[in-house]
Protein backbone atom coordinates (compact mmCIF):
# COMPACT_ATOMS: atom_id res chain seq x y z
CA MET A 1 -33.11 38.54 118.14
CA SER A 2 -30.34 41.06 118.66
CA ARG A 3 -27.17 40.22 120.55
CA THR A 4 -27.92 42.98 123.10
CA ARG A 5 -31.40 41.66 123.81
CA THR A 6 -30.11 38.10 124.14
CA SER A 7 -27.29 39.22 126.42
CA ARG A 8 -29.71 41.23 128.56
CA ARG A 9 -32.10 38.26 128.86
CA ARG A 10 -29.24 36.01 129.92
CA THR A 11 -28.15 38.53 132.55
CA VAL A 12 -31.69 38.90 133.89
CA LEU A 13 -32.17 35.12 133.92
CA ALA A 14 -28.85 34.53 135.70
CA THR A 15 -29.56 37.18 138.33
CA THR A 16 -33.12 36.01 138.92
CA THR A 17 -32.01 32.37 139.14
CA ALA A 18 -29.31 33.23 141.67
CA VAL A 19 -31.80 35.08 143.83
CA ALA A 20 -34.38 32.29 143.55
CA VAL A 21 -31.85 29.65 144.59
CA LEU A 22 -30.68 31.81 147.46
CA LEU A 23 -34.19 32.49 148.68
CA GLY A 24 -35.36 28.91 148.15
CA GLY A 25 -32.68 27.57 150.50
CA ALA A 26 -33.33 30.03 153.30
CA ALA A 27 -36.15 30.12 155.79
CA LEU A 28 -38.39 32.95 154.68
CA THR A 29 -39.32 34.63 157.90
CA ALA A 30 -39.39 38.26 156.83
CA CYS A 31 -41.34 39.21 153.73
CA ALA A 32 -39.72 42.65 153.72
CA GLY A 33 -36.31 41.03 153.37
CA VAL A 34 -37.50 38.93 150.45
CA HIS A 35 -38.97 41.95 148.70
CA ARG A 36 -35.77 43.94 149.27
CA ALA A 37 -33.66 41.14 147.81
CA LEU A 38 -35.91 40.79 144.77
CA ASP A 39 -36.03 44.56 144.28
CA CYS A 40 -32.25 44.67 144.46
CA ALA A 41 -31.92 41.79 141.98
CA ARG A 42 -34.37 43.35 139.51
CA THR A 43 -32.64 46.70 139.69
CA ALA A 44 -29.20 45.09 139.33
CA ALA A 45 -30.44 43.21 136.25
CA SER A 46 -31.80 46.43 134.79
CA ILE A 47 -28.47 48.15 135.45
CA ALA A 48 -26.65 45.25 133.77
CA GLY A 49 -28.78 45.87 130.68
CA ASP A 50 -28.05 49.60 130.90
CA VAL A 51 -24.32 48.88 131.08
CA GLN A 52 -24.57 46.63 128.02
CA ASP A 53 -26.32 49.48 126.17
CA LEU A 54 -23.60 51.85 127.40
CA GLN A 55 -20.84 49.61 126.11
CA ASN A 56 -22.60 49.24 122.76
CA SER A 57 -23.07 52.99 122.34
CA ALA A 58 -19.54 53.87 123.39
CA THR A 59 -17.96 51.36 121.01
CA ASN A 60 -20.15 52.21 118.03
CA VAL A 61 -17.07 53.63 116.29
CA GLY A 62 -17.39 54.13 112.55
CA GLN A 63 -21.15 53.59 112.54
CA VAL A 64 -22.18 56.99 113.89
CA SER A 65 -20.51 60.36 114.28
CA ASP A 66 -18.41 61.06 117.35
CA ALA A 67 -20.98 63.61 118.53
CA SER A 68 -23.81 61.07 118.23
CA ARG A 69 -21.74 58.41 119.95
CA ARG A 70 -20.98 60.78 122.86
CA LYS A 71 -24.66 61.72 123.09
CA ASN A 72 -25.70 58.05 123.13
CA THR A 73 -23.05 57.30 125.75
CA VAL A 74 -24.30 60.12 127.97
CA ASN A 75 -27.90 58.94 127.52
CA SER A 76 -26.86 55.44 128.55
CA LEU A 77 -25.05 56.83 131.59
CA ASP A 78 -28.26 58.67 132.48
CA LYS A 79 -30.16 55.36 132.39
CA VAL A 80 -27.64 53.75 134.74
CA GLU A 81 -27.91 56.69 137.14
CA ARG A 82 -31.73 56.58 137.11
CA ASP A 83 -31.70 52.89 137.97
CA LEU A 84 -29.03 53.43 140.62
CA LYS A 85 -31.28 55.95 142.35
CA LYS A 86 -33.74 53.10 142.92
CA LEU A 87 -31.16 51.48 145.21
CA GLY A 88 -29.18 54.41 146.53
CA GLY A 89 -30.31 56.19 149.66
CA LYS A 90 -32.21 53.19 150.94
CA ASP A 91 -30.97 51.15 153.84
CA ARG A 92 -30.03 48.05 151.88
CA GLY A 93 -27.08 47.04 153.97
CA LYS A 94 -23.42 47.92 153.96
CA ASP A 95 -22.44 45.77 150.97
CA VAL A 96 -25.20 47.04 148.68
CA ASN A 97 -24.57 50.66 149.68
CA LYS A 98 -20.84 50.22 148.92
CA ALA A 99 -21.60 48.62 145.55
CA VAL A 100 -23.99 51.46 144.68
CA ASP A 101 -21.38 54.06 145.69
CA ASP A 102 -18.70 52.32 143.59
CA LEU A 103 -20.95 52.19 140.54
CA ASP A 104 -21.97 55.81 141.04
CA THR A 105 -18.29 56.84 141.11
CA ALA A 106 -17.52 54.80 137.98
CA VAL A 107 -20.47 56.37 136.13
CA HIS A 108 -19.41 59.86 137.26
CA ASN A 109 -15.86 59.27 135.96
CA ALA A 110 -17.17 57.95 132.63
CA ARG A 111 -19.50 60.94 132.30
CA THR A 112 -16.64 63.36 133.00
CA ALA A 113 -14.55 61.75 130.25
CA ALA A 114 -17.47 61.84 127.79
CA ASP A 115 -18.18 65.48 128.63
CA GLN A 116 -14.54 66.26 127.86
CA GLY A 117 -14.85 64.60 124.45
CA LYS A 118 -12.76 61.61 125.50
CA THR A 119 -13.65 57.96 125.17
CA PRO A 120 -14.69 56.87 128.67
CA ASP A 121 -13.09 53.87 130.34
CA LEU A 122 -16.09 51.60 130.80
CA ALA A 123 -14.25 48.74 132.50
CA PRO A 124 -14.83 50.22 135.99
CA VAL A 125 -18.54 50.66 135.20
CA GLY A 126 -18.87 47.04 134.10
CA SER A 127 -16.90 45.79 137.09
CA ALA A 128 -18.95 47.82 139.57
CA ALA A 129 -22.22 46.68 137.95
CA SER A 130 -21.09 43.05 138.20
CA HIS A 131 -20.20 43.56 141.85
CA LEU A 132 -23.64 45.06 142.50
CA THR A 133 -25.31 42.08 140.83
CA GLY A 134 -23.28 39.71 143.01
CA VAL A 135 -24.09 41.59 146.20
CA CYS A 136 -27.79 41.68 145.38
CA ALA A 137 -27.80 37.96 144.61
CA LYS A 138 -26.41 37.29 148.09
CA GLY A 139 -29.42 39.00 149.60
């Protein structure tokens, strides 16, 4: 099993476990709230996988040409943006909306760097994705 797939499974498992523990300890009075929290957690886990793919493609130095690496990086950024759209624009609460906005800004900045032929700084993308995962796990 590849390191990326293993890492993604661990991220999904950790996020799902956090949400399950959170939901298990609370009185479940509103099904809509539960579905929103699970939707948020699933999307955050998917974005975490996208960010792992992004980091892998951007650091694939020496294995593929610079043009291919930039193309793969942009494709990975596209995946993050598609998943972000699943959360953005919905009334998910102030914290989730802020986390989505922060990740959107980080992705935009990385895309701008890639479009300019520069190596994007992916640390803000990873940090914002982690923050989103944490916010979604809180419910």
